[in-house]
Amino acid sequence: MSKLAAHVVTQKVDHFVSKDLLDRNAQRQLKQFLEQVELTIFNSNREVIHREIPDLDRDSFIRFAVRVAEARARYVKCGLDVTAKDHVATSTELDRLRVLRLTYEELLASFEATQRIIERGYVNIAQ
């Protein structure tokens, strides 16, 4: 009869593993494997990001942040303008508001992805 023991591999998901995976040697091998995977992911990201975005530097990142702020301001201003009128928003006004929201949200998502690649060290723009 086999025995199973609960073993937490990450904070997100509990995994049930066999007793032999709780062995120190097996844990060490698993840890080494996961470290190799992480290093491969890191190196792959650095290589691909440097190849695809060679001009990412402080100036381009700051310019990106400003453009996101401008898109946010245009979206909010449009919402304020639409609601300042004494009528229910027209479909044309709502279409414009929707386009500005989508523009802002997409730029923000892309900016946050860029911020993550900087934080993870895939690019060296902080130097």
C-alpha atoms as a PDB file:
ATOM      1  CA  MET A   1       0.000   0.000   0.000  1.00  0.00           C
ATOM      2  CA  SER A   2       1.418   3.372  -1.042  1.00  0.00           C
ATOM      3  CA  LYS A   3       1.323   6.380   1.188  1.00  0.00           C
ATOM      4  CA  LEU A   4       0.949   9.907  -0.127  1.00  0.00           C
ATOM      5  CA  ALA A   5       1.959  13.024   1.695  1.00  0.00           C
ATOM      6  CA  ALA A   6       0.971  16.601   0.948  1.00  0.00           C
ATOM      7  CA  HIS A   7       3.868  18.781  -0.126  1.00  0.00           C
ATOM      8  CA  VAL A   8       3.639  22.450  -1.061  1.00  0.00           C
ATOM      9  CA  VAL A   9       5.816  23.216  -4.103  1.00  0.00           C
ATOM     10  CA  THR A  10       4.666  26.810  -4.565  1.00  0.00           C
ATOM     11  CA  GLN A  11       2.450  29.163  -2.653  1.00  0.00           C
ATOM     12  CA  LYS A  12      -0.187  28.899  -5.370  1.00  0.00           C
ATOM     13  CA  VAL A  13      -0.882  25.183  -5.618  1.00  0.00           C
ATOM     14  CA  ASP A  14      -0.568  22.267  -3.228  1.00  0.00           C
ATOM     15  CA  HIS A  15       0.812  19.112  -4.837  1.00  0.00           C
ATOM     16  CA  PHE A  16       0.467  15.601  -3.565  1.00  0.00           C
ATOM     17  CA  VAL A  17       3.730  13.745  -3.948  1.00  0.00           C
ATOM     18  CA  SER A  18       4.919  10.286  -3.173  1.00  0.00           C
ATOM     19  CA  LYS A  19       7.033   9.706  -0.098  1.00  0.00           C
ATOM     20  CA  ASP A  20      10.214   9.280  -2.171  1.00  0.00           C
ATOM     21  CA  LEU A  21       9.913  12.877  -3.443  1.00  0.00           C
ATOM     22  CA  LEU A  22      10.123  14.055   0.142  1.00  0.00           C
ATOM     23  CA  ASP A  23      13.617  12.566   0.288  1.00  0.00           C
ATOM     24  CA  ARG A  24      16.365  15.197   0.647  1.00  0.00           C
ATOM     25  CA  ASN A  25      18.227  14.012  -2.434  1.00  0.00           C
ATOM     26  CA  ALA A  26      15.058  14.126  -4.531  1.00  0.00           C
ATOM     27  CA  GLN A  27      14.282  17.595  -3.184  1.00  0.00           C
ATOM     28  CA  ARG A  28      17.798  18.785  -4.056  1.00  0.00           C
ATOM     29  CA  GLN A  29      17.532  17.377  -7.588  1.00  0.00           C
ATOM     30  CA  LEU A  30      14.129  18.984  -8.059  1.00  0.00           C
ATOM     31  CA  LYS A  31      15.440  22.308  -6.765  1.00  0.00           C
ATOM     32  CA  GLN A  32      18.431  22.159  -9.131  1.00  0.00           C
ATOM     33  CA  PHE A  33      16.163  21.343 -12.048  1.00  0.00           C
ATOM     34  CA  LEU A  34      13.816  24.241 -11.235  1.00  0.00           C
ATOM     35  CA  GLU A  35      16.788  26.600 -10.904  1.00  0.00           C
ATOM     36  CA  GLN A  36      18.012  25.496 -14.354  1.00  0.00           C
ATOM     37  CA  VAL A  37      14.543  26.144 -15.776  1.00  0.00           C
ATOM     38  CA  GLU A  38      14.475  29.611 -14.189  1.00  0.00           C
ATOM     39  CA  LEU A  39      17.925  30.406 -15.579  1.00  0.00           C
ATOM     40  CA  THR A  40      16.843  29.251 -19.037  1.00  0.00           C
ATOM     41  CA  ILE A  41      13.730  31.429 -18.842  1.00  0.00           C
ATOM     42  CA  PHE A  42      15.808  34.403 -17.693  1.00  0.00           C
ATOM     43  CA  ASN A  43      18.415  34.004 -20.426  1.00  0.00           C
ATOM     44  CA  SER A  44      15.776  33.422 -23.102  1.00  0.00           C
ATOM     45  CA  ASN A  45      13.904  36.552 -22.067  1.00  0.00           C
ATOM     46  CA  ARG A  46      17.066  38.649 -22.095  1.00  0.00           C
ATOM     47  CA  GLU A  47      18.073  37.387 -25.527  1.00  0.00           C
ATOM     48  CA  VAL A  48      14.649  37.773 -27.149  1.00  0.00           C
ATOM     49  CA  ILE A  49      13.859  41.133 -25.565  1.00  0.00           C
ATOM     50  CA  HIS A  50      17.263  42.592 -26.512  1.00  0.00           C
ATOM     51  CA  ARG A  51      16.775  41.352 -30.073  1.00  0.00           C
ATOM     52  CA  GLU A  52      13.171  42.561 -30.433  1.00  0.00           C
ATOM     53  CA  ILE A  53      13.465  45.834 -28.485  1.00  0.00           C
ATOM     54  CA  PRO A  54      17.043  47.031 -28.967  1.00  0.00           C
ATOM     55  CA  ASP A  55      16.189  50.700 -28.384  1.00  0.00           C
ATOM     56  CA  LEU A  56      14.648  50.318 -24.920  1.00  0.00           C
ATOM     57  CA  ASP A  57      16.462  52.763 -22.682  1.00  0.00           C
ATOM     58  CA  ARG A  58      15.699  55.325 -19.982  1.00  0.00           C
ATOM     59  CA  ASP A  59      14.459  57.921 -22.453  1.00  0.00           C
ATOM     60  CA  SER A  60      12.138  55.560 -24.321  1.00  0.00           C
ATOM     61  CA  PHE A  61      10.750  54.182 -21.056  1.00  0.00           C
ATOM     62  CA  ILE A  62      10.097  57.654 -19.652  1.00  0.00           C
ATOM     63  CA  ARG A  63       8.523  58.714 -22.958  1.00  0.00           C
ATOM     64  CA  PHE A  64       6.299  55.621 -22.730  1.00  0.00           C
ATOM     65  CA  ALA A  65       5.217  56.595 -19.187  1.00  0.00           C
ATOM     66  CA  VAL A  66       4.313  60.087 -20.384  1.00  0.00           C
ATOM     67  CA  ARG A  67       2.254  58.698 -23.288  1.00  0.00           C
ATOM     68  CA  VAL A  68       0.323  56.445 -20.912  1.00  0.00           C
ATOM     69  CA  ALA A  69      -0.385  59.449 -18.674  1.00  0.00           C
ATOM     70  CA  GLU A  70      -1.563  61.438 -21.677  1.00  0.00           C
ATOM     71  CA  ALA A  71      -3.861  58.600 -22.779  1.00  0.00           C
ATOM     72  CA  ARG A  72      -5.293  58.388 -19.255  1.00  0.00           C
ATOM     73  CA  ALA A  73      -5.881  62.136 -19.174  1.00  0.00           C
ATOM     74  CA  ARG A  74      -7.631  62.098 -22.590  1.00  0.00           C
ATOM     75  CA  TYR A  75      -9.890  59.259 -21.433  1.00  0.00           C
ATOM     76  CA  VAL A  76     -10.804  60.935 -18.138  1.00  0.00           C
ATOM     77  CA  LYS A  77     -11.296  64.336 -19.790  1.00  0.00           C
ATOM     78  CA  CYS A  78     -13.623  62.830 -22.365  1.00  0.00           C
ATOM     79  CA  GLY A  79     -15.650  61.171 -19.596  1.00  0.00           C
ATOM     80  CA  LEU A  80     -15.910  64.469 -17.753  1.00  0.00           C
ATOM     81  CA  ASP A  81     -16.889  66.303 -20.938  1.00  0.00           C
ATOM     82  CA  VAL A  82     -19.597  63.770 -21.769  1.00  0.00           C
ATOM     83  CA  THR A  83     -21.131  63.969 -18.312  1.00  0.00           C
ATOM     84  CA  ALA A  84     -20.924  67.772 -18.115  1.00  0.00           C
ATOM     85  CA  LYS A  85     -23.601  68.111 -20.776  1.00  0.00           C
ATOM     86  CA  ASP A  86     -27.300  68.328 -19.983  1.00  0.00           C
ATOM     87  CA  HIS A  87     -28.194  65.267 -22.010  1.00  0.00           C
ATOM     88  CA  VAL A  88     -27.679  61.547 -22.010  1.00  0.00           C
ATOM     89  CA  ALA A  89     -24.461  60.624 -23.776  1.00  0.00           C
ATOM     90  CA  THR A  90     -24.910  59.944 -27.471  1.00  0.00           C
ATOM     91  CA  SER A  91     -23.635  56.784 -29.109  1.00  0.00           C
ATOM     92  CA  THR A  92     -20.966  58.863 -30.877  1.00  0.00           C
ATOM     93  CA  GLU A  93     -19.759  60.272 -27.556  1.00  0.00           C
ATOM     94  CA  LEU A  94     -19.744  56.809 -25.984  1.00  0.00           C
ATOM     95  CA  ASP A  95     -17.884  55.360 -28.964  1.00  0.00           C
ATOM     96  CA  ARG A  96     -15.203  58.028 -28.564  1.00  0.00           C
ATOM     97  CA  LEU A  97     -15.019  57.344 -24.815  1.00  0.00           C
ATOM     98  CA  ARG A  98     -14.726  53.593 -25.477  1.00  0.00           C
ATOM     99  CA  VAL A  99     -11.886  54.099 -27.966  1.00  0.00           C
ATOM    100  CA  LEU A 100     -10.025  56.305 -25.491  1.00  0.00           C
ATOM    101  CA  ARG A 101     -10.526  53.747 -22.702  1.00  0.00           C
ATOM    102  CA  LEU A 102      -9.269  50.893 -24.857  1.00  0.00           C
ATOM    103  CA  THR A 103      -6.288  52.960 -25.940  1.00  0.00           C
ATOM    104  CA  TYR A 104      -5.425  53.812 -22.349  1.00  0.00           C
ATOM    105  CA  GLU A 105      -5.925  50.230 -21.094  1.00  0.00           C
ATOM    106  CA  GLU A 106      -3.802  48.723 -23.860  1.00  0.00           C
ATOM    107  CA  LEU A 107      -1.011  51.241 -23.378  1.00  0.00           C
ATOM    108  CA  LEU A 108      -1.121  50.676 -19.620  1.00  0.00           C
ATOM    109  CA  ALA A 109      -0.927  46.888 -20.006  1.00  0.00           C
ATOM    110  CA  SER A 110       2.028  47.244 -22.357  1.00  0.00           C
ATOM    111  CA  PHE A 111       3.734  49.718 -20.018  1.00  0.00           C
ATOM    112  CA  GLU A 112       3.278  47.367 -17.056  1.00  0.00           C
ATOM    113  CA  ALA A 113       4.753  44.504 -19.101  1.00  0.00           C
ATOM    114  CA  THR A 114       7.716  46.738 -19.920  1.00  0.00           C
ATOM    115  CA  GLN A 115       8.092  47.632 -16.262  1.00  0.00           C
ATOM    116  CA  ARG A 116       8.137  43.913 -15.373  1.00  0.00           C
ATOM    117  CA  ILE A 117      10.916  43.161 -17.850  1.00  0.00           C
ATOM    118  CA  ILE A 118      12.965  45.943 -16.297  1.00  0.00           C
ATOM    119  CA  GLU A 119      12.252  44.768 -12.742  1.00  0.00           C
ATOM    120  CA  ARG A 120      13.201  41.190 -13.639  1.00  0.00           C
ATOM    121  CA  GLY A 121      16.520  42.326 -15.090  1.00  0.00           C
ATOM    122  CA  TYR A 122      15.804  41.311 -18.692  1.00  0.00           C
ATOM    123  CA  VAL A 123      17.139  44.724 -19.779  1.00  0.00           C
ATOM    124  CA  ASN A 124      19.718  47.007 -18.195  1.00  0.00           C
ATOM    125  CA  ILE A 125      18.305  50.497 -18.443  1.00  0.00           C
ATOM    126  CA  ALA A 126      18.798  51.519 -14.817  1.00  0.00           C
ATOM    127  CA  GLN A 127      22.532  52.007 -15.363  1.00  0.00           C
END
